[in-house]
Amino acid sequence: VQVCPALTEGGVRALIFNADRNGL
């Protein structure tokens, strides 16, 4: 989030939670 300020911690954690579905 520090490297990419457009992202939020909550948003990244949501991406991680759904990583198997979103390809992350």
PDBML (XML) file of the C-alpha atoms, coordinates in Angstrom:
<?xml version="1.0" encoding="UTF-8" ?>
<PDBx:datablock datablockName="MODEL"
   xmlns:PDBx="http://pdbml.pdb.org/schema/pdbx-v50.xsd"
   xmlns:xsi="http://www.w3.org/2001/XMLSchema-instance"
   xsi:schemaLocation="http://pdbml.pdb.org/schema/pdbx-v50.xsd pdbx-v50.xsd">
   <PDBx:atom_siteCategory>
      <PDBx:atom_site id="1">
         <PDBx:B_iso_or_equiv>0.00</PDBx:B_iso_or_equiv>
         <PDBx:Cartn_x>0.000</PDBx:Cartn_x>
         <PDBx:Cartn_y>0.000</PDBx:Cartn_y>
         <PDBx:Cartn_z>0.000</PDBx:Cartn_z>
         <PDBx:auth_asym_id>A</PDBx:auth_asym_id>
         <PDBx:auth_atom_id>CA</PDBx:auth_atom_id>
         <PDBx:auth_comp_id>VAL</PDBx:auth_comp_id>
         <PDBx:auth_seq_id>1</PDBx:auth_seq_id>
         <PDBx:group_PDB>ATOM</PDBx:group_PDB>
         <PDBx:label_alt_id xsi:nil="true" />
         <PDBx:label_asym_id>A</PDBx:label_asym_id>
         <PDBx:label_atom_id>CA</PDBx:label_atom_id>
         <PDBx:label_comp_id>VAL</PDBx:label_comp_id>
         <PDBx:label_entity_id>1</PDBx:label_entity_id>
         <PDBx:label_seq_id>1</PDBx:label_seq_id>
         <PDBx:occupancy>1.00</PDBx:occupancy>
         <PDBx:pdbx_PDB_model_num>1</PDBx:pdbx_PDB_model_num>
         <PDBx:type_symbol>C</PDBx:type_symbol>
      </PDBx:atom_site>
      <PDBx:atom_site id="2">
         <PDBx:B_iso_or_equiv>0.00</PDBx:B_iso_or_equiv>
         <PDBx:Cartn_x>2.941</PDBx:Cartn_x>
         <PDBx:Cartn_y>2.350</PDBx:Cartn_y>
         <PDBx:Cartn_z>0.608</PDBx:Cartn_z>
         <PDBx:auth_asym_id>A</PDBx:auth_asym_id>
         <PDBx:auth_atom_id>CA</PDBx:auth_atom_id>
         <PDBx:auth_comp_id>GLN</PDBx:auth_comp_id>
         <PDBx:auth_seq_id>2</PDBx:auth_seq_id>
         <PDBx:group_PDB>ATOM</PDBx:group_PDB>
         <PDBx:label_alt_id xsi:nil="true" />
         <PDBx:label_asym_id>A</PDBx:label_asym_id>
         <PDBx:label_atom_id>CA</PDBx:label_atom_id>
         <PDBx:label_comp_id>GLN</PDBx:label_comp_id>
         <PDBx:label_entity_id>1</PDBx:label_entity_id>
         <PDBx:label_seq_id>2</PDBx:label_seq_id>
         <PDBx:occupancy>1.00</PDBx:occupancy>
         <PDBx:pdbx_PDB_model_num>1</PDBx:pdbx_PDB_model_num>
         <PDBx:type_symbol>C</PDBx:type_symbol>
      </PDBx:atom_site>
      <PDBx:atom_site id="3">
         <PDBx:B_iso_or_equiv>0.00</PDBx:B_iso_or_equiv>
         <PDBx:Cartn_x>4.329</PDBx:Cartn_x>
         <PDBx:Cartn_y>1.547</PDBx:Cartn_y>
         <PDBx:Cartn_z>-2.849</PDBx:Cartn_z>
         <PDBx:auth_asym_id>A</PDBx:auth_asym_id>
         <PDBx:auth_atom_id>CA</PDBx:auth_atom_id>
         <PDBx:auth_comp_id>VAL</PDBx:auth_comp_id>
         <PDBx:auth_seq_id>3</PDBx:auth_seq_id>
         <PDBx:group_PDB>ATOM</PDBx:group_PDB>
         <PDBx:label_alt_id xsi:nil="true" />
         <PDBx:label_asym_id>A</PDBx:label_asym_id>
         <PDBx:label_atom_id>CA</PDBx:label_atom_id>
         <PDBx:label_comp_id>VAL</PDBx:label_comp_id>
         <PDBx:label_entity_id>1</PDBx:label_entity_id>
         <PDBx:label_seq_id>3</PDBx:label_seq_id>
         <PDBx:occupancy>1.00</PDBx:occupancy>
         <PDBx:pdbx_PDB_model_num>1</PDBx:pdbx_PDB_model_num>
         <PDBx:type_symbol>C</PDBx:type_symbol>
      </PDBx:atom_site>
      <PDBx:atom_site id="4">
         <PDBx:B_iso_or_equiv>0.00</PDBx:B_iso_or_equiv>
         <PDBx:Cartn_x>0.924</PDBx:Cartn_x>
         <PDBx:Cartn_y>1.888</PDBx:Cartn_y>
         <PDBx:Cartn_z>-4.531</PDBx:Cartn_z>
         <PDBx:auth_asym_id>A</PDBx:auth_asym_id>
         <PDBx:auth_atom_id>CA</PDBx:auth_atom_id>
         <PDBx:auth_comp_id>CYS</PDBx:auth_comp_id>
         <PDBx:auth_seq_id>4</PDBx:auth_seq_id>
         <PDBx:group_PDB>ATOM</PDBx:group_PDB>
         <PDBx:label_alt_id xsi:nil="true" />
         <PDBx:label_asym_id>A</PDBx:label_asym_id>
         <PDBx:label_atom_id>CA</PDBx:label_atom_id>
         <PDBx:label_comp_id>CYS</PDBx:label_comp_id>
         <PDBx:label_entity_id>1</PDBx:label_entity_id>
         <PDBx:label_seq_id>4</PDBx:label_seq_id>
         <PDBx:occupancy>1.00</PDBx:occupancy>
         <PDBx:pdbx_PDB_model_num>1</PDBx:pdbx_PDB_model_num>
         <PDBx:type_symbol>C</PDBx:type_symbol>
      </PDBx:atom_site>
      <PDBx:atom_site id="5">
         <PDBx:B_iso_or_equiv>0.00</PDBx:B_iso_or_equiv>
         <PDBx:Cartn_x>-1.135</PDBx:Cartn_x>
         <PDBx:Cartn_y>4.494</PDBx:Cartn_y>
         <PDBx:Cartn_z>-2.638</PDBx:Cartn_z>
         <PDBx:auth_asym_id>A</PDBx:auth_asym_id>
         <PDBx:auth_atom_id>CA</PDBx:auth_atom_id>
         <PDBx:auth_comp_id>PRO</PDBx:auth_comp_id>
         <PDBx:auth_seq_id>5</PDBx:auth_seq_id>
         <PDBx:group_PDB>ATOM</PDBx:group_PDB>
         <PDBx:label_alt_id xsi:nil="true" />
         <PDBx:label_asym_id>A</PDBx:label_asym_id>
         <PDBx:label_atom_id>CA</PDBx:label_atom_id>
         <PDBx:label_comp_id>PRO</PDBx:label_comp_id>
         <PDBx:label_entity_id>1</PDBx:label_entity_id>
         <PDBx:label_seq_id>5</PDBx:label_seq_id>
         <PDBx:occupancy>1.00</PDBx:occupancy>
         <PDBx:pdbx_PDB_model_num>1</PDBx:pdbx_PDB_model_num>
         <PDBx:type_symbol>C</PDBx:type_symbol>
      </PDBx:atom_site>
      <PDBx:atom_site id="6">
         <PDBx:B_iso_or_equiv>0.00</PDBx:B_iso_or_equiv>
         <PDBx:Cartn_x>-4.160</PDBx:Cartn_x>
         <PDBx:Cartn_y>3.925</PDBx:Cartn_y>
         <PDBx:Cartn_z>-4.909</PDBx:Cartn_z>
         <PDBx:auth_asym_id>A</PDBx:auth_asym_id>
         <PDBx:auth_atom_id>CA</PDBx:auth_atom_id>
         <PDBx:auth_comp_id>ALA</PDBx:auth_comp_id>
         <PDBx:auth_seq_id>6</PDBx:auth_seq_id>
         <PDBx:group_PDB>ATOM</PDBx:group_PDB>
         <PDBx:label_alt_id xsi:nil="true" />
         <PDBx:label_asym_id>A</PDBx:label_asym_id>
         <PDBx:label_atom_id>CA</PDBx:label_atom_id>
         <PDBx:label_comp_id>ALA</PDBx:label_comp_id>
         <PDBx:label_entity_id>1</PDBx:label_entity_id>
         <PDBx:label_seq_id>6</PDBx:label_seq_id>
         <PDBx:occupancy>1.00</PDBx:occupancy>
         <PDBx:pdbx_PDB_model_num>1</PDBx:pdbx_PDB_model_num>
         <PDBx:type_symbol>C</PDBx:type_symbol>
      </PDBx:atom_site>
      <PDBx:atom_site id="7">
         <PDBx:B_iso_or_equiv>0.00</PDBx:B_iso_or_equiv>
         <PDBx:Cartn_x>-4.678</PDBx:Cartn_x>
         <PDBx:Cartn_y>0.623</PDBx:Cartn_y>
         <PDBx:Cartn_z>-3.051</PDBx:Cartn_z>
         <PDBx:auth_asym_id>A</PDBx:auth_asym_id>
         <PDBx:auth_atom_id>CA</PDBx:auth_atom_id>
         <PDBx:auth_comp_id>LEU</PDBx:auth_comp_id>
         <PDBx:auth_seq_id>7</PDBx:auth_seq_id>
         <PDBx:group_PDB>ATOM</PDBx:group_PDB>
         <PDBx:label_alt_id xsi:nil="true" />
         <PDBx:label_asym_id>A</PDBx:label_asym_id>
         <PDBx:label_atom_id>CA</PDBx:label_atom_id>
         <PDBx:label_comp_id>LEU</PDBx:label_comp_id>
         <PDBx:label_entity_id>1</PDBx:label_entity_id>
         <PDBx:label_seq_id>7</PDBx:label_seq_id>
         <PDBx:occupancy>1.00</PDBx:occupancy>
         <PDBx:pdbx_PDB_model_num>1</PDBx:pdbx_PDB_model_num>
         <PDBx:type_symbol>C</PDBx:type_symbol>
      </PDBx:atom_site>
      <PDBx:atom_site id="8">
         <PDBx:B_iso_or_equiv>0.00</PDBx:B_iso_or_equiv>
         <PDBx:Cartn_x>-5.996</PDBx:Cartn_x>
         <PDBx:Cartn_y>0.293</PDBx:Cartn_y>
         <PDBx:Cartn_z>0.482</PDBx:Cartn_z>
         <PDBx:auth_asym_id>A</PDBx:auth_asym_id>
         <PDBx:auth_atom_id>CA</PDBx:auth_atom_id>
         <PDBx:auth_comp_id>THR</PDBx:auth_comp_id>
         <PDBx:auth_seq_id>8</PDBx:auth_seq_id>
         <PDBx:group_PDB>ATOM</PDBx:group_PDB>
         <PDBx:label_alt_id xsi:nil="true" />
         <PDBx:label_asym_id>A</PDBx:label_asym_id>
         <PDBx:label_atom_id>CA</PDBx:label_atom_id>
         <PDBx:label_comp_id>THR</PDBx:label_comp_id>
         <PDBx:label_entity_id>1</PDBx:label_entity_id>
         <PDBx:label_seq_id>8</PDBx:label_seq_id>
         <PDBx:occupancy>1.00</PDBx:occupancy>
         <PDBx:pdbx_PDB_model_num>1</PDBx:pdbx_PDB_model_num>
         <PDBx:type_symbol>C</PDBx:type_symbol>
      </PDBx:atom_site>
      <PDBx:atom_site id="9">
         <PDBx:B_iso_or_equiv>0.00</PDBx:B_iso_or_equiv>
         <PDBx:Cartn_x>-5.052</PDBx:Cartn_x>
         <PDBx:Cartn_y>-2.364</PDBx:Cartn_y>
         <PDBx:Cartn_z>3.004</PDBx:Cartn_z>
         <PDBx:auth_asym_id>A</PDBx:auth_asym_id>
         <PDBx:auth_atom_id>CA</PDBx:auth_atom_id>
         <PDBx:auth_comp_id>GLU</PDBx:auth_comp_id>
         <PDBx:auth_seq_id>9</PDBx:auth_seq_id>
         <PDBx:group_PDB>ATOM</PDBx:group_PDB>
         <PDBx:label_alt_id xsi:nil="true" />
         <PDBx:label_asym_id>A</PDBx:label_asym_id>
         <PDBx:label_atom_id>CA</PDBx:label_atom_id>
         <PDBx:label_comp_id>GLU</PDBx:label_comp_id>
         <PDBx:label_entity_id>1</PDBx:label_entity_id>
         <PDBx:label_seq_id>9</PDBx:label_seq_id>
         <PDBx:occupancy>1.00</PDBx:occupancy>
         <PDBx:pdbx_PDB_model_num>1</PDBx:pdbx_PDB_model_num>
         <PDBx:type_symbol>C</PDBx:type_symbol>
      </PDBx:atom_site>
      <PDBx:atom_site id="10">
         <PDBx:B_iso_or_equiv>0.00</PDBx:B_iso_or_equiv>
         <PDBx:Cartn_x>-8.651</PDBx:Cartn_x>
         <PDBx:Cartn_y>-3.559</PDBx:Cartn_y>
         <PDBx:Cartn_z>3.149</PDBx:Cartn_z>
         <PDBx:auth_asym_id>A</PDBx:auth_asym_id>
         <PDBx:auth_atom_id>CA</PDBx:auth_atom_id>
         <PDBx:auth_comp_id>GLY</PDBx:auth_comp_id>
         <PDBx:auth_seq_id>10</PDBx:auth_seq_id>
         <PDBx:group_PDB>ATOM</PDBx:group_PDB>
         <PDBx:label_alt_id xsi:nil="true" />
         <PDBx:label_asym_id>A</PDBx:label_asym_id>
         <PDBx:label_atom_id>CA</PDBx:label_atom_id>
         <PDBx:label_comp_id>GLY</PDBx:label_comp_id>
         <PDBx:label_entity_id>1</PDBx:label_entity_id>
         <PDBx:label_seq_id>10</PDBx:label_seq_id>
         <PDBx:occupancy>1.00</PDBx:occupancy>
         <PDBx:pdbx_PDB_model_num>1</PDBx:pdbx_PDB_model_num>
         <PDBx:type_symbol>C</PDBx:type_symbol>
      </PDBx:atom_site>
      <PDBx:atom_site id="11">
         <PDBx:B_iso_or_equiv>0.00</PDBx:B_iso_or_equiv>
         <PDBx:Cartn_x>-8.856</PDBx:Cartn_x>
         <PDBx:Cartn_y>-3.753</PDBx:Cartn_y>
         <PDBx:Cartn_z>-0.624</PDBx:Cartn_z>
         <PDBx:auth_asym_id>A</PDBx:auth_asym_id>
         <PDBx:auth_atom_id>CA</PDBx:auth_atom_id>
         <PDBx:auth_comp_id>GLY</PDBx:auth_comp_id>
         <PDBx:auth_seq_id>11</PDBx:auth_seq_id>
         <PDBx:group_PDB>ATOM</PDBx:group_PDB>
         <PDBx:label_alt_id xsi:nil="true" />
         <PDBx:label_asym_id>A</PDBx:label_asym_id>
         <PDBx:label_atom_id>CA</PDBx:label_atom_id>
         <PDBx:label_comp_id>GLY</PDBx:label_comp_id>
         <PDBx:label_entity_id>1</PDBx:label_entity_id>
         <PDBx:label_seq_id>11</PDBx:label_seq_id>
         <PDBx:occupancy>1.00</PDBx:occupancy>
         <PDBx:pdbx_PDB_model_num>1</PDBx:pdbx_PDB_model_num>
         <PDBx:type_symbol>C</PDBx:type_symbol>
      </PDBx:atom_site>
      <PDBx:atom_site id="12">
         <PDBx:B_iso_or_equiv>0.00</PDBx:B_iso_or_equiv>
         <PDBx:Cartn_x>-5.643</PDBx:Cartn_x>
         <PDBx:Cartn_y>-5.746</PDBx:Cartn_y>
         <PDBx:Cartn_z>-0.874</PDBx:Cartn_z>
         <PDBx:auth_asym_id>A</PDBx:auth_asym_id>
         <PDBx:auth_atom_id>CA</PDBx:auth_atom_id>
         <PDBx:auth_comp_id>VAL</PDBx:auth_comp_id>
         <PDBx:auth_seq_id>12</PDBx:auth_seq_id>
         <PDBx:group_PDB>ATOM</PDBx:group_PDB>
         <PDBx:label_alt_id xsi:nil="true" />
         <PDBx:label_asym_id>A</PDBx:label_asym_id>
         <PDBx:label_atom_id>CA</PDBx:label_atom_id>
         <PDBx:label_comp_id>VAL</PDBx:label_comp_id>
         <PDBx:label_entity_id>1</PDBx:label_entity_id>
         <PDBx:label_seq_id>12</PDBx:label_seq_id>
         <PDBx:occupancy>1.00</PDBx:occupancy>
         <PDBx:pdbx_PDB_model_num>1</PDBx:pdbx_PDB_model_num>
         <PDBx:type_symbol>C</PDBx:type_symbol>
      </PDBx:atom_site>
      <PDBx:atom_site id="13">
         <PDBx:B_iso_or_equiv>0.00</PDBx:B_iso_or_equiv>
         <PDBx:Cartn_x>-6.782</PDBx:Cartn_x>
         <PDBx:Cartn_y>-8.095</PDBx:Cartn_y>
         <PDBx:Cartn_z>1.897</PDBx:Cartn_z>
         <PDBx:auth_asym_id>A</PDBx:auth_asym_id>
         <PDBx:auth_atom_id>CA</PDBx:auth_atom_id>
         <PDBx:auth_comp_id>ARG</PDBx:auth_comp_id>
         <PDBx:auth_seq_id>13</PDBx:auth_seq_id>
         <PDBx:group_PDB>ATOM</PDBx:group_PDB>
         <PDBx:label_alt_id xsi:nil="true" />
         <PDBx:label_asym_id>A</PDBx:label_asym_id>
         <PDBx:label_atom_id>CA</PDBx:label_atom_id>
         <PDBx:label_comp_id>ARG</PDBx:label_comp_id>
         <PDBx:label_entity_id>1</PDBx:label_entity_id>
         <PDBx:label_seq_id>13</PDBx:label_seq_id>
         <PDBx:occupancy>1.00</PDBx:occupancy>
         <PDBx:pdbx_PDB_model_num>1</PDBx:pdbx_PDB_model_num>
         <PDBx:type_symbol>C</PDBx:type_symbol>
      </PDBx:atom_site>
      <PDBx:atom_site id="14">
         <PDBx:B_iso_or_equiv>0.00</PDBx:B_iso_or_equiv>
         <PDBx:Cartn_x>-10.040</PDBx:Cartn_x>
         <PDBx:Cartn_y>-8.667</PDBx:Cartn_y>
         <PDBx:Cartn_z>-0.004</PDBx:Cartn_z>
         <PDBx:auth_asym_id>A</PDBx:auth_asym_id>
         <PDBx:auth_atom_id>CA</PDBx:auth_atom_id>
         <PDBx:auth_comp_id>ALA</PDBx:auth_comp_id>
         <PDBx:auth_seq_id>14</PDBx:auth_seq_id>
         <PDBx:group_PDB>ATOM</PDBx:group_PDB>
         <PDBx:label_alt_id xsi:nil="true" />
         <PDBx:label_asym_id>A</PDBx:label_asym_id>
         <PDBx:label_atom_id>CA</PDBx:label_atom_id>
         <PDBx:label_comp_id>ALA</PDBx:label_comp_id>
         <PDBx:label_entity_id>1</PDBx:label_entity_id>
         <PDBx:label_seq_id>14</PDBx:label_seq_id>
         <PDBx:occupancy>1.00</PDBx:occupancy>
         <PDBx:pdbx_PDB_model_num>1</PDBx:pdbx_PDB_model_num>
         <PDBx:type_symbol>C</PDBx:type_symbol>
      </PDBx:atom_site>
      <PDBx:atom_site id="15">
         <PDBx:B_iso_or_equiv>0.00</PDBx:B_iso_or_equiv>
         <PDBx:Cartn_x>-8.025</PDBx:Cartn_x>
         <PDBx:Cartn_y>-9.502</PDBx:Cartn_y>
         <PDBx:Cartn_z>-3.130</PDBx:Cartn_z>
         <PDBx:auth_asym_id>A</PDBx:auth_asym_id>
         <PDBx:auth_atom_id>CA</PDBx:auth_atom_id>
         <PDBx:auth_comp_id>LEU</PDBx:auth_comp_id>
         <PDBx:auth_seq_id>15</PDBx:auth_seq_id>
         <PDBx:group_PDB>ATOM</PDBx:group_PDB>
         <PDBx:label_alt_id xsi:nil="true" />
         <PDBx:label_asym_id>A</PDBx:label_asym_id>
         <PDBx:label_atom_id>CA</PDBx:label_atom_id>
         <PDBx:label_comp_id>LEU</PDBx:label_comp_id>
         <PDBx:label_entity_id>1</PDBx:label_entity_id>
         <PDBx:label_seq_id>15</PDBx:label_seq_id>
         <PDBx:occupancy>1.00</PDBx:occupancy>
         <PDBx:pdbx_PDB_model_num>1</PDBx:pdbx_PDB_model_num>
         <PDBx:type_symbol>C</PDBx:type_symbol>
      </PDBx:atom_site>
      <PDBx:atom_site id="16">
         <PDBx:B_iso_or_equiv>0.00</PDBx:B_iso_or_equiv>
         <PDBx:Cartn_x>-5.939</PDBx:Cartn_x>
         <PDBx:Cartn_y>-11.944</PDBx:Cartn_y>
         <PDBx:Cartn_z>-1.070</PDBx:Cartn_z>
         <PDBx:auth_asym_id>A</PDBx:auth_asym_id>
         <PDBx:auth_atom_id>CA</PDBx:auth_atom_id>
         <PDBx:auth_comp_id>ILE</PDBx:auth_comp_id>
         <PDBx:auth_seq_id>16</PDBx:auth_seq_id>
         <PDBx:group_PDB>ATOM</PDBx:group_PDB>
         <PDBx:label_alt_id xsi:nil="true" />
         <PDBx:label_asym_id>A</PDBx:label_asym_id>
         <PDBx:label_atom_id>CA</PDBx:label_atom_id>
         <PDBx:label_comp_id>ILE</PDBx:label_comp_id>
         <PDBx:label_entity_id>1</PDBx:label_entity_id>
         <PDBx:label_seq_id>16</PDBx:label_seq_id>
         <PDBx:occupancy>1.00</PDBx:occupancy>
         <PDBx:pdbx_PDB_model_num>1</PDBx:pdbx_PDB_model_num>
         <PDBx:type_symbol>C</PDBx:type_symbol>
      </PDBx:atom_site>
      <PDBx:atom_site id="17">
         <PDBx:B_iso_or_equiv>0.00</PDBx:B_iso_or_equiv>
         <PDBx:Cartn_x>-9.060</PDBx:Cartn_x>
         <PDBx:Cartn_y>-13.549</PDBx:Cartn_y>
         <PDBx:Cartn_z>0.411</PDBx:Cartn_z>
         <PDBx:auth_asym_id>A</PDBx:auth_asym_id>
         <PDBx:auth_atom_id>CA</PDBx:auth_atom_id>
         <PDBx:auth_comp_id>PHE</PDBx:auth_comp_id>
         <PDBx:auth_seq_id>17</PDBx:auth_seq_id>
         <PDBx:group_PDB>ATOM</PDBx:group_PDB>
         <PDBx:label_alt_id xsi:nil="true" />
         <PDBx:label_asym_id>A</PDBx:label_asym_id>
         <PDBx:label_atom_id>CA</PDBx:label_atom_id>
         <PDBx:label_comp_id>PHE</PDBx:label_comp_id>
         <PDBx:label_entity_id>1</PDBx:label_entity_id>
         <PDBx:label_seq_id>17</PDBx:label_seq_id>
         <PDBx:occupancy>1.00</PDBx:occupancy>
         <PDBx:pdbx_PDB_model_num>1</PDBx:pdbx_PDB_model_num>
         <PDBx:type_symbol>C</PDBx:type_symbol>
      </PDBx:atom_site>
      <PDBx:atom_site id="18">
         <PDBx:B_iso_or_equiv>0.00</PDBx:B_iso_or_equiv>
         <PDBx:Cartn_x>-10.389</PDBx:Cartn_x>
         <PDBx:Cartn_y>-14.164</PDBx:Cartn_y>
         <PDBx:Cartn_z>-3.106</PDBx:Cartn_z>
         <PDBx:auth_asym_id>A</PDBx:auth_asym_id>
         <PDBx:auth_atom_id>CA</PDBx:auth_atom_id>
         <PDBx:auth_comp_id>ASN</PDBx:auth_comp_id>
         <PDBx:auth_seq_id>18</PDBx:auth_seq_id>
         <PDBx:group_PDB>ATOM</PDBx:group_PDB>
         <PDBx:label_alt_id xsi:nil="true" />
         <PDBx:label_asym_id>A</PDBx:label_asym_id>
         <PDBx:label_atom_id>CA</PDBx:label_atom_id>
         <PDBx:label_comp_id>ASN</PDBx:label_comp_id>
         <PDBx:label_entity_id>1</PDBx:label_entity_id>
         <PDBx:label_seq_id>18</PDBx:label_seq_id>
         <PDBx:occupancy>1.00</PDBx:occupancy>
         <PDBx:pdbx_PDB_model_num>1</PDBx:pdbx_PDB_model_num>
         <PDBx:type_symbol>C</PDBx:type_symbol>
      </PDBx:atom_site>
      <PDBx:atom_site id="19">
         <PDBx:B_iso_or_equiv>0.00</PDBx:B_iso_or_equiv>
         <PDBx:Cartn_x>-7.000</PDBx:Cartn_x>
         <PDBx:Cartn_y>-14.983</PDBx:Cartn_y>
         <PDBx:Cartn_z>-4.652</PDBx:Cartn_z>
         <PDBx:auth_asym_id>A</PDBx:auth_asym_id>
         <PDBx:auth_atom_id>CA</PDBx:auth_atom_id>
         <PDBx:auth_comp_id>ALA</PDBx:auth_comp_id>
         <PDBx:auth_seq_id>19</PDBx:auth_seq_id>
         <PDBx:group_PDB>ATOM</PDBx:group_PDB>
         <PDBx:label_alt_id xsi:nil="true" />
         <PDBx:label_asym_id>A</PDBx:label_asym_id>
         <PDBx:label_atom_id>CA</PDBx:label_atom_id>
         <PDBx:label_comp_id>ALA</PDBx:label_comp_id>
         <PDBx:label_entity_id>1</PDBx:label_entity_id>
         <PDBx:label_seq_id>19</PDBx:label_seq_id>
         <PDBx:occupancy>1.00</PDBx:occupancy>
         <PDBx:pdbx_PDB_model_num>1</PDBx:pdbx_PDB_model_num>
         <PDBx:type_symbol>C</PDBx:type_symbol>
      </PDBx:atom_site>
      <PDBx:atom_site id="20">
         <PDBx:B_iso_or_equiv>0.00</PDBx:B_iso_or_equiv>
         <PDBx:Cartn_x>-8.071</PDBx:Cartn_x>
         <PDBx:Cartn_y>-18.394</PDBx:Cartn_y>
         <PDBx:Cartn_z>-5.952</PDBx:Cartn_z>
         <PDBx:auth_asym_id>A</PDBx:auth_asym_id>
         <PDBx:auth_atom_id>CA</PDBx:auth_atom_id>
         <PDBx:auth_comp_id>ASP</PDBx:auth_comp_id>
         <PDBx:auth_seq_id>20</PDBx:auth_seq_id>
         <PDBx:group_PDB>ATOM</PDBx:group_PDB>
         <PDBx:label_alt_id xsi:nil="true" />
         <PDBx:label_asym_id>A</PDBx:label_asym_id>
         <PDBx:label_atom_id>CA</PDBx:label_atom_id>
         <PDBx:label_comp_id>ASP</PDBx:label_comp_id>
         <PDBx:label_entity_id>1</PDBx:label_entity_id>
         <PDBx:label_seq_id>20</PDBx:label_seq_id>
         <PDBx:occupancy>1.00</PDBx:occupancy>
         <PDBx:pdbx_PDB_model_num>1</PDBx:pdbx_PDB_model_num>
         <PDBx:type_symbol>C</PDBx:type_symbol>
      </PDBx:atom_site>
      <PDBx:atom_site id="21">
         <PDBx:B_iso_or_equiv>0.00</PDBx:B_iso_or_equiv>
         <PDBx:Cartn_x>-10.957</PDBx:Cartn_x>
         <PDBx:Cartn_y>-16.806</PDBx:Cartn_y>
         <PDBx:Cartn_z>-7.873</PDBx:Cartn_z>
         <PDBx:auth_asym_id>A</PDBx:auth_asym_id>
         <PDBx:auth_atom_id>CA</PDBx:auth_atom_id>
         <PDBx:auth_comp_id>ARG</PDBx:auth_comp_id>
         <PDBx:auth_seq_id>21</PDBx:auth_seq_id>
         <PDBx:group_PDB>ATOM</PDBx:group_PDB>
         <PDBx:label_alt_id xsi:nil="true" />
         <PDBx:label_asym_id>A</PDBx:label_asym_id>
         <PDBx:label_atom_id>CA</PDBx:label_atom_id>
         <PDBx:label_comp_id>ARG</PDBx:label_comp_id>
         <PDBx:label_entity_id>1</PDBx:label_entity_id>
         <PDBx:label_seq_id>21</PDBx:label_seq_id>
         <PDBx:occupancy>1.00</PDBx:occupancy>
         <PDBx:pdbx_PDB_model_num>1</PDBx:pdbx_PDB_model_num>
         <PDBx:type_symbol>C</PDBx:type_symbol>
      </PDBx:atom_site>
      <PDBx:atom_site id="22">
         <PDBx:B_iso_or_equiv>0.00</PDBx:B_iso_or_equiv>
         <PDBx:Cartn_x>-9.260</PDBx:Cartn_x>
         <PDBx:Cartn_y>-13.647</PDBx:Cartn_y>
         <PDBx:Cartn_z>-9.154</PDBx:Cartn_z>
         <PDBx:auth_asym_id>A</PDBx:auth_asym_id>
         <PDBx:auth_atom_id>CA</PDBx:auth_atom_id>
         <PDBx:auth_comp_id>ASN</PDBx:auth_comp_id>
         <PDBx:auth_seq_id>22</PDBx:auth_seq_id>
         <PDBx:group_PDB>ATOM</PDBx:group_PDB>
         <PDBx:label_alt_id xsi:nil="true" />
         <PDBx:label_asym_id>A</PDBx:label_asym_id>
         <PDBx:label_atom_id>CA</PDBx:label_atom_id>
         <PDBx:label_comp_id>ASN</PDBx:label_comp_id>
         <PDBx:label_entity_id>1</PDBx:label_entity_id>
         <PDBx:label_seq_id>22</PDBx:label_seq_id>
         <PDBx:occupancy>1.00</PDBx:occupancy>
         <PDBx:pdbx_PDB_model_num>1</PDBx:pdbx_PDB_model_num>
         <PDBx:type_symbol>C</PDBx:type_symbol>
      </PDBx:atom_site>
      <PDBx:atom_site id="23">
         <PDBx:B_iso_or_equiv>0.00</PDBx:B_iso_or_equiv>
         <PDBx:Cartn_x>-5.940</PDBx:Cartn_x>
         <PDBx:Cartn_y>-15.177</PDBx:Cartn_y>
         <PDBx:Cartn_z>-10.235</PDBx:Cartn_z>
         <PDBx:auth_asym_id>A</PDBx:auth_asym_id>
         <PDBx:auth_atom_id>CA</PDBx:auth_atom_id>
         <PDBx:auth_comp_id>GLY</PDBx:auth_comp_id>
         <PDBx:auth_seq_id>23</PDBx:auth_seq_id>
         <PDBx:group_PDB>ATOM</PDBx:group_PDB>
         <PDBx:label_alt_id xsi:nil="true" />
         <PDBx:label_asym_id>A</PDBx:label_asym_id>
         <PDBx:label_atom_id>CA</PDBx:label_atom_id>
         <PDBx:label_comp_id>GLY</PDBx:label_comp_id>
         <PDBx:label_entity_id>1</PDBx:label_entity_id>
         <PDBx:label_seq_id>23</PDBx:label_seq_id>
         <PDBx:occupancy>1.00</PDBx:occupancy>
         <PDBx:pdbx_PDB_model_num>1</PDBx:pdbx_PDB_model_num>
         <PDBx:type_symbol>C</PDBx:type_symbol>
      </PDBx:atom_site>
      <PDBx:atom_site id="24">
         <PDBx:B_iso_or_equiv>0.00</PDBx:B_iso_or_equiv>
         <PDBx:Cartn_x>-3.818</PDBx:Cartn_x>
         <PDBx:Cartn_y>-13.471</PDBx:Cartn_y>
         <PDBx:Cartn_z>-7.583</PDBx:Cartn_z>
         <PDBx:auth_asym_id>A</PDBx:auth_asym_id>
         <PDBx:auth_atom_id>CA</PDBx:auth_atom_id>
         <PDBx:auth_comp_id>LEU</PDBx:auth_comp_id>
         <PDBx:auth_seq_id>24</PDBx:auth_seq_id>
         <PDBx:group_PDB>ATOM</PDBx:group_PDB>
         <PDBx:label_alt_id xsi:nil="true" />
         <PDBx:label_asym_id>A</PDBx:label_asym_id>
         <PDBx:label_atom_id>CA</PDBx:label_atom_id>
         <PDBx:label_comp_id>LEU</PDBx:label_comp_id>
         <PDBx:label_entity_id>1</PDBx:label_entity_id>
         <PDBx:label_seq_id>24</PDBx:label_seq_id>
         <PDBx:occupancy>1.00</PDBx:occupancy>
         <PDBx:pdbx_PDB_model_num>1</PDBx:pdbx_PDB_model_num>
         <PDBx:type_symbol>C</PDBx:type_symbol>
      </PDBx:atom_site>
   </PDBx:atom_siteCategory>
</PDBx:datablock>
